[in-house]
Structures are given as structure tokens and as C-alpha cells.
């Protein structure tokens, strides 16, 4: 019988970007606590996986400054519960041309803000 694989220990997210994790995880948690619809809950599970991809990139410190600035702008909009502003910042980031850098997690951020808007959290 095989032993289960050991959990992968991940390094810390750089302190200047911890606010991103706190903001996005907090918003996802509020949405999960409010959502009653199984479809929405499945979407939020996908959002969580995509956020983990974002946090891995932050740990690797492999994102350009314009992307990081855009992410902080989205986080600030989420903190202010100004999701339309967050979605506009999201659109600017996607059209910035760094698609390969952000394609794993940006759909998750968009879903998160759309769900938060629907649930009014």
C-alpha cells in the first residue's frame, strides 16, 4: 500500500502582497457563507483553486510591477466593495498583453467579483 504524498510546503507570500491574499480569501469566504446555490458554491471552489495559482506566483515573485499594481488596485476595490471599479481594473490588466502571466488566476478574480456583486457581500 502506498503512503499518501507528503503535503507540499509552500513558502510565504512576500509581506507586501499579503493584503492580496487576505482580501481575496476574505471575500471568497464571505461569498461562500452567503451562497445557497450549489452552482455558485462550485464556482467559488474553482475561484479558490485559481487564487492558489495567484498566491503561488506571488511566492515565486515572478510577476511584473504593472501586474502587481493592478492586483493591488483590484484588492483595494474589493476592500471598498466597489466591484465595478475592480472589474475595470481587471479588464485593464487583461488587455495589458501579459496574458501568459495572468491567465491562470484572472478568470477566478473576475468570477469572485461577479459573485460578490450578485450576493451583495
N, C-alpha and C. Protein backbone atom coordinates (compact mmCIF):
# COMPACT_ATOMS: atom_id res chain seq x y z
N UNK A 1 0.83 -1.19 0.00
CA UNK A 1 0.00 0.00 0.00
C UNK A 1 0.88 1.25 0.00
N UNK A 2 0.54 2.18 -0.88
CA UNK A 2 1.34 3.39 -0.97
C UNK A 2 0.95 4.37 0.12
N UNK A 3 1.95 5.08 0.59
CA UNK A 3 1.65 6.15 1.56
C UNK A 3 1.17 7.37 0.79
N UNK A 4 0.28 8.15 1.39
CA UNK A 4 -0.16 9.36 0.70
C UNK A 4 1.02 10.31 0.54
N UNK A 5 1.02 11.07 -0.54
CA UNK A 5 2.14 12.00 -0.73
C UNK A 5 2.17 13.03 0.39
N UNK A 6 3.37 13.42 0.76
CA UNK A 6 3.52 14.44 1.80
C UNK A 6 2.97 15.75 1.27
N UNK A 7 2.34 16.54 2.14
CA UNK A 7 1.83 17.84 1.66
C UNK A 7 3.00 18.72 1.22
N UNK A 8 2.74 19.46 0.19
CA UNK A 8 3.79 20.36 -0.33
C UNK A 8 3.82 21.59 0.56
N UNK A 9 4.98 21.85 1.11
CA UNK A 9 5.13 23.04 1.95
C UNK A 9 5.44 24.22 1.04
N UNK A 10 4.62 25.22 1.15
CA UNK A 10 4.79 26.40 0.31
C UNK A 10 5.44 27.49 1.14
N UNK A 11 6.28 28.25 0.49
CA UNK A 11 6.94 29.36 1.16
C UNK A 11 5.94 30.47 1.43
N UNK A 12 6.38 31.47 2.18
CA UNK A 12 5.48 32.58 2.49
C UNK A 12 5.28 33.50 1.28
N UNK A 13 4.16 34.15 1.28
CA UNK A 13 3.92 35.20 0.29
C UNK A 13 4.66 36.43 0.79
N UNK A 14 5.36 37.14 -0.10
CA UNK A 14 6.06 38.35 0.35
C UNK A 14 5.10 39.29 1.10
N UNK A 15 5.58 39.84 2.19
CA UNK A 15 4.71 40.62 3.10
C UNK A 15 3.98 41.75 2.39
N UNK A 16 4.61 42.35 1.39
CA UNK A 16 3.96 43.48 0.71
C UNK A 16 2.75 43.03 -0.11
N UNK A 17 2.61 41.72 -0.31
CA UNK A 17 1.48 41.20 -1.09
C UNK A 17 0.50 40.38 -0.24
N UNK A 18 0.75 40.29 1.06
CA UNK A 18 -0.16 39.52 1.93
C UNK A 18 -1.58 40.07 1.90
N UNK A 19 -1.68 41.38 1.73
CA UNK A 19 -3.00 42.00 1.69
C UNK A 19 -3.85 41.43 0.55
N UNK A 20 -3.19 41.03 -0.56
CA UNK A 20 -3.93 40.43 -1.67
C UNK A 20 -4.59 39.13 -1.20
N UNK A 21 -3.80 38.28 -0.54
CA UNK A 21 -4.33 37.00 -0.06
C UNK A 21 -5.44 37.23 0.96
N UNK A 22 -5.22 38.12 1.90
CA UNK A 22 -6.22 38.38 2.94
C UNK A 22 -7.51 38.91 2.33
N UNK A 23 -7.38 39.82 1.38
CA UNK A 23 -8.57 40.43 0.77
C UNK A 23 -9.35 39.42 -0.05
N UNK A 24 -8.66 38.72 -0.96
CA UNK A 24 -9.36 37.81 -1.87
C UNK A 24 -9.91 36.58 -1.12
N UNK A 25 -9.13 36.04 -0.18
CA UNK A 25 -9.64 34.90 0.60
C UNK A 25 -10.82 35.32 1.47
N UNK A 26 -10.73 36.52 2.06
CA UNK A 26 -11.82 37.01 2.90
C UNK A 26 -13.10 37.20 2.10
N UNK A 27 -12.96 37.74 0.90
CA UNK A 27 -14.12 37.95 0.04
C UNK A 27 -14.71 36.60 -0.39
N UNK A 28 -13.85 35.66 -0.75
CA UNK A 28 -14.33 34.33 -1.15
C UNK A 28 -15.06 33.67 0.01
N UNK A 29 -14.54 33.83 1.21
CA UNK A 29 -15.17 33.24 2.39
C UNK A 29 -16.55 33.86 2.64
N UNK A 30 -16.64 35.19 2.52
CA UNK A 30 -17.94 35.86 2.70
C UNK A 30 -18.95 35.36 1.66
N UNK A 31 -18.46 35.19 0.43
CA UNK A 31 -19.35 34.69 -0.63
C UNK A 31 -19.81 33.27 -0.31
N UNK A 32 -18.88 32.41 0.12
CA UNK A 32 -19.24 31.02 0.44
C UNK A 32 -20.26 30.97 1.56
N UNK A 33 -20.11 31.84 2.54
CA UNK A 33 -21.03 31.85 3.68
C UNK A 33 -22.41 32.37 3.30
N UNK A 34 -22.49 33.14 2.22
CA UNK A 34 -23.76 33.73 1.79
C UNK A 34 -24.44 32.91 0.71
N UNK A 35 -23.65 32.20 -0.10
CA UNK A 35 -24.20 31.47 -1.26
C UNK A 35 -25.03 30.28 -0.81
N UNK A 36 -26.23 30.15 -1.40
CA UNK A 36 -27.08 29.00 -1.14
C UNK A 36 -27.14 28.08 -2.35
N UNK A 37 -26.78 28.60 -3.49
CA UNK A 37 -26.91 27.91 -4.76
C UNK A 37 -25.71 26.97 -4.97
N UNK A 38 -25.95 25.67 -5.24
CA UNK A 38 -24.84 24.73 -5.46
C UNK A 38 -23.93 25.15 -6.62
N UNK A 39 -24.52 25.72 -7.67
CA UNK A 39 -23.72 26.18 -8.82
C UNK A 39 -22.74 27.27 -8.40
N UNK A 40 -23.23 28.21 -7.59
CA UNK A 40 -22.37 29.30 -7.10
C UNK A 40 -21.27 28.73 -6.21
N UNK A 41 -21.61 27.77 -5.37
CA UNK A 41 -20.60 27.17 -4.49
C UNK A 41 -19.51 26.47 -5.30
N UNK A 42 -19.92 25.78 -6.40
CA UNK A 42 -18.91 25.14 -7.27
C UNK A 42 -18.02 26.19 -7.91
N UNK A 43 -18.62 27.29 -8.35
CA UNK A 43 -17.82 28.37 -8.94
C UNK A 43 -16.80 28.90 -7.91
N UNK A 44 -17.24 29.02 -6.67
CA UNK A 44 -16.35 29.53 -5.62
C UNK A 44 -15.22 28.53 -5.33
N UNK A 45 -15.49 27.24 -5.46
CA UNK A 45 -14.41 26.25 -5.31
C UNK A 45 -13.36 26.45 -6.40
N UNK A 46 -13.84 26.71 -7.63
CA UNK A 46 -12.92 26.98 -8.73
C UNK A 46 -12.13 28.27 -8.47
N UNK A 47 -12.83 29.28 -7.95
CA UNK A 47 -12.16 30.55 -7.62
C UNK A 47 -11.02 30.29 -6.63
N UNK A 48 -11.28 29.46 -5.62
CA UNK A 48 -10.25 29.16 -4.62
C UNK A 48 -9.02 28.52 -5.25
N UNK A 49 -9.24 27.59 -6.19
CA UNK A 49 -8.10 26.96 -6.88
C UNK A 49 -7.31 27.99 -7.68
N UNK A 50 -8.03 28.88 -8.34
CA UNK A 50 -7.35 29.90 -9.15
C UNK A 50 -6.60 30.90 -8.27
N UNK A 51 -7.18 31.21 -7.12
CA UNK A 51 -6.48 32.11 -6.19
C UNK A 51 -5.18 31.46 -5.71
N UNK A 52 -5.21 30.16 -5.50
CA UNK A 52 -3.99 29.46 -5.08
C UNK A 52 -2.91 29.60 -6.14
N UNK A 53 -3.31 29.58 -7.42
CA UNK A 53 -2.34 29.79 -8.51
C UNK A 53 -1.75 31.19 -8.43
N UNK A 54 -2.58 32.17 -8.09
CA UNK A 54 -2.09 33.54 -7.90
C UNK A 54 -1.08 33.59 -6.76
N UNK A 55 -1.42 32.97 -5.64
CA UNK A 55 -0.53 33.02 -4.47
C UNK A 55 0.80 32.32 -4.77
N UNK A 56 0.75 31.23 -5.57
CA UNK A 56 2.00 30.56 -5.95
C UNK A 56 2.88 31.51 -6.76
N UNK A 57 2.26 32.25 -7.67
CA UNK A 57 3.05 33.21 -8.47
C UNK A 57 3.63 34.31 -7.58
N UNK A 58 2.86 34.74 -6.60
CA UNK A 58 3.38 35.75 -5.68
C UNK A 58 4.58 35.20 -4.90
N UNK A 59 4.47 33.93 -4.46
CA UNK A 59 5.57 33.30 -3.71
C UNK A 59 6.83 33.23 -4.58
N UNK A 60 6.64 32.93 -5.86
CA UNK A 60 7.78 32.80 -6.77
C UNK A 60 8.34 34.17 -7.16
N UNK A 61 7.61 35.22 -6.86
CA UNK A 61 8.00 36.59 -7.20
C UNK A 61 8.32 36.72 -8.68
N UNK A 62 7.39 36.21 -9.50
CA UNK A 62 7.61 36.19 -10.95
C UNK A 62 6.61 37.05 -11.70
N UNK A 63 6.06 38.06 -11.04
CA UNK A 63 5.11 38.92 -11.74
C UNK A 63 5.68 40.31 -11.90
N UNK A 64 5.34 40.92 -13.03
CA UNK A 64 5.85 42.26 -13.32
C UNK A 64 5.14 43.30 -12.44
N UNK A 65 5.79 44.43 -12.28
CA UNK A 65 5.22 45.50 -11.45
C UNK A 65 3.85 45.98 -11.93
N UNK A 66 3.64 46.17 -13.25
CA UNK A 66 2.30 46.61 -13.67
C UNK A 66 1.20 45.62 -13.26
N UNK A 67 1.50 44.32 -13.32
CA UNK A 67 0.52 43.31 -12.92
C UNK A 67 0.27 43.42 -11.42
N UNK A 68 1.35 43.53 -10.65
CA UNK A 68 1.21 43.63 -9.19
C UNK A 68 0.42 44.87 -8.80
N UNK A 69 0.69 45.99 -9.47
CA UNK A 69 -0.04 47.22 -9.17
C UNK A 69 -1.52 47.04 -9.48
N UNK A 70 -1.82 46.39 -10.59
CA UNK A 70 -3.22 46.14 -10.96
C UNK A 70 -3.92 45.25 -9.95
N UNK A 71 -3.20 44.23 -9.46
CA UNK A 71 -3.78 43.33 -8.46
C UNK A 71 -4.08 44.07 -7.16
N UNK A 72 -3.17 44.97 -6.79
CA UNK A 72 -3.41 45.76 -5.57
C UNK A 72 -4.59 46.71 -5.78
N UNK A 73 -4.74 47.21 -7.00
CA UNK A 73 -5.88 48.08 -7.30
C UNK A 73 -7.19 47.29 -7.19
N UNK A 74 -7.19 46.05 -7.70
CA UNK A 74 -8.38 45.18 -7.60
C UNK A 74 -8.68 44.89 -6.13
N UNK A 75 -7.64 44.58 -5.36
CA UNK A 75 -7.83 44.27 -3.93
C UNK A 75 -8.43 45.48 -3.20
N UNK A 76 -7.93 46.67 -3.51
CA UNK A 76 -8.45 47.87 -2.86
C UNK A 76 -9.92 48.07 -3.21
N UNK A 77 -10.26 47.84 -4.48
CA UNK A 77 -11.66 47.97 -4.89
C UNK A 77 -12.53 46.96 -4.15
N UNK A 78 -12.01 45.73 -3.97
CA UNK A 78 -12.77 44.70 -3.24
C UNK A 78 -12.94 45.09 -1.78
N UNK A 79 -11.89 45.66 -1.19
CA UNK A 79 -12.00 46.11 0.20
C UNK A 79 -13.06 47.18 0.34
N UNK A 80 -13.15 48.04 -0.68
CA UNK A 80 -14.14 49.11 -0.67
C UNK A 80 -15.52 48.63 -1.13
N UNK A 81 -15.61 47.36 -1.51
CA UNK A 81 -16.82 46.76 -2.08
C UNK A 81 -17.26 47.51 -3.33
N UNK A 82 -16.28 48.02 -4.07
CA UNK A 82 -16.54 48.72 -5.33
C UNK A 82 -16.15 47.77 -6.46
N UNK A 83 -17.01 46.75 -6.66
CA UNK A 83 -16.68 45.71 -7.63
C UNK A 83 -16.65 46.21 -9.07
N UNK A 84 -17.49 47.17 -9.46
CA UNK A 84 -17.35 47.70 -10.83
C UNK A 84 -15.95 48.28 -11.06
N UNK A 85 -15.40 48.99 -10.08
CA UNK A 85 -14.04 49.53 -10.22
C UNK A 85 -13.03 48.37 -10.31
N UNK A 86 -13.25 47.34 -9.50
CA UNK A 86 -12.36 46.18 -9.55
C UNK A 86 -12.40 45.49 -10.90
N UNK A 87 -13.61 45.38 -11.46
CA UNK A 87 -13.75 44.75 -12.78
C UNK A 87 -13.11 45.60 -13.87
N UNK A 88 -13.16 46.92 -13.73
CA UNK A 88 -12.50 47.79 -14.72
C UNK A 88 -10.98 47.59 -14.64
N UNK A 89 -10.44 47.51 -13.42
CA UNK A 89 -9.01 47.27 -13.26
C UNK A 89 -8.65 45.90 -13.82
N UNK A 90 -9.51 44.93 -13.63
CA UNK A 90 -9.33 43.58 -14.16
C UNK A 90 -9.23 43.63 -15.69
N UNK A 91 -10.16 44.36 -16.32
CA UNK A 91 -10.17 44.48 -17.78
C UNK A 91 -8.89 45.14 -18.28
N UNK A 92 -8.43 46.19 -17.57
CA UNK A 92 -7.17 46.85 -17.96
C UNK A 92 -6.00 45.87 -17.90
N UNK A 93 -5.96 45.05 -16.85
CA UNK A 93 -4.87 44.09 -16.71
C UNK A 93 -4.89 43.07 -17.84
N UNK A 94 -6.08 42.58 -18.16
CA UNK A 94 -6.18 41.57 -19.22
C UNK A 94 -5.78 42.15 -20.57
N UNK A 95 -6.10 43.40 -20.80
CA UNK A 95 -5.75 43.99 -22.09
C UNK A 95 -4.33 44.53 -22.10
N UNK A 96 -3.58 44.34 -21.01
CA UNK A 96 -2.21 44.84 -20.96
C UNK A 96 -1.26 43.98 -21.79
N UNK A 97 -1.71 42.79 -22.19
CA UNK A 97 -0.88 41.97 -23.05
C UNK A 97 -0.04 40.93 -22.32
N UNK A 98 -0.09 40.88 -21.00
CA UNK A 98 0.71 39.89 -20.25
C UNK A 98 -0.12 38.66 -19.97
N UNK A 99 -0.84 38.19 -20.98
CA UNK A 99 -1.83 37.15 -20.75
C UNK A 99 -1.24 35.88 -20.14
N UNK A 100 -0.07 35.46 -20.62
CA UNK A 100 0.51 34.22 -20.10
C UNK A 100 0.84 34.33 -18.61
N UNK A 101 1.12 35.55 -18.18
CA UNK A 101 1.49 35.79 -16.78
C UNK A 101 0.27 35.70 -15.85
N UNK A 102 -0.91 35.97 -16.40
CA UNK A 102 -2.09 36.13 -15.53
C UNK A 102 -3.24 35.19 -15.87
N UNK A 103 -3.11 34.39 -16.92
CA UNK A 103 -4.25 33.60 -17.42
C UNK A 103 -4.74 32.56 -16.42
N UNK A 104 -3.88 32.08 -15.51
CA UNK A 104 -4.31 31.04 -14.58
C UNK A 104 -5.26 31.56 -13.51
N UNK A 105 -5.12 32.81 -13.11
CA UNK A 105 -5.91 33.29 -11.97
C UNK A 105 -6.89 34.41 -12.28
N UNK A 106 -6.72 35.12 -13.38
CA UNK A 106 -7.61 36.26 -13.64
C UNK A 106 -9.08 35.86 -13.81
N UNK A 107 -9.38 34.73 -14.47
CA UNK A 107 -10.81 34.35 -14.55
C UNK A 107 -11.41 34.14 -13.16
N UNK A 108 -10.62 33.65 -12.23
CA UNK A 108 -11.10 33.44 -10.87
C UNK A 108 -11.41 34.75 -10.17
N UNK A 109 -10.54 35.74 -10.38
CA UNK A 109 -10.79 37.06 -9.76
C UNK A 109 -12.06 37.69 -10.33
N UNK A 110 -12.24 37.55 -11.65
CA UNK A 110 -13.44 38.12 -12.26
C UNK A 110 -14.69 37.44 -11.69
N UNK A 111 -14.66 36.10 -11.63
CA UNK A 111 -15.81 35.37 -11.06
C UNK A 111 -16.08 35.80 -9.63
N UNK A 112 -15.01 35.94 -8.86
CA UNK A 112 -15.16 36.33 -7.46
C UNK A 112 -15.89 37.67 -7.35
N UNK A 113 -15.48 38.65 -8.14
CA UNK A 113 -16.12 39.97 -8.07
C UNK A 113 -17.56 39.92 -8.58
N UNK A 114 -17.81 39.11 -9.62
CA UNK A 114 -19.18 39.00 -10.13
C UNK A 114 -20.09 38.34 -9.09
N UNK A 115 -19.59 37.29 -8.45
CA UNK A 115 -20.39 36.61 -7.43
C UNK A 115 -20.63 37.55 -6.24
N UNK A 116 -19.58 38.27 -5.83
CA UNK A 116 -19.72 39.21 -4.71
C UNK A 116 -20.77 40.27 -5.03
N UNK A 117 -20.80 40.72 -6.29
CA UNK A 117 -21.81 41.70 -6.73
C UNK A 117 -23.20 41.10 -6.62
N UNK A 118 -23.36 39.87 -7.12
CA UNK A 118 -24.67 39.20 -7.10
C UNK A 118 -25.15 38.98 -5.67
N UNK A 119 -24.23 38.57 -4.80
CA UNK A 119 -24.60 38.24 -3.41
C UNK A 119 -24.65 39.48 -2.51
N UNK A 120 -24.17 40.60 -3.05
CA UNK A 120 -24.11 41.86 -2.30
C UNK A 120 -23.34 41.71 -0.99
N UNK A 121 -22.15 41.10 -1.11
CA UNK A 121 -21.32 40.96 0.10
C UNK A 121 -20.20 41.99 0.10
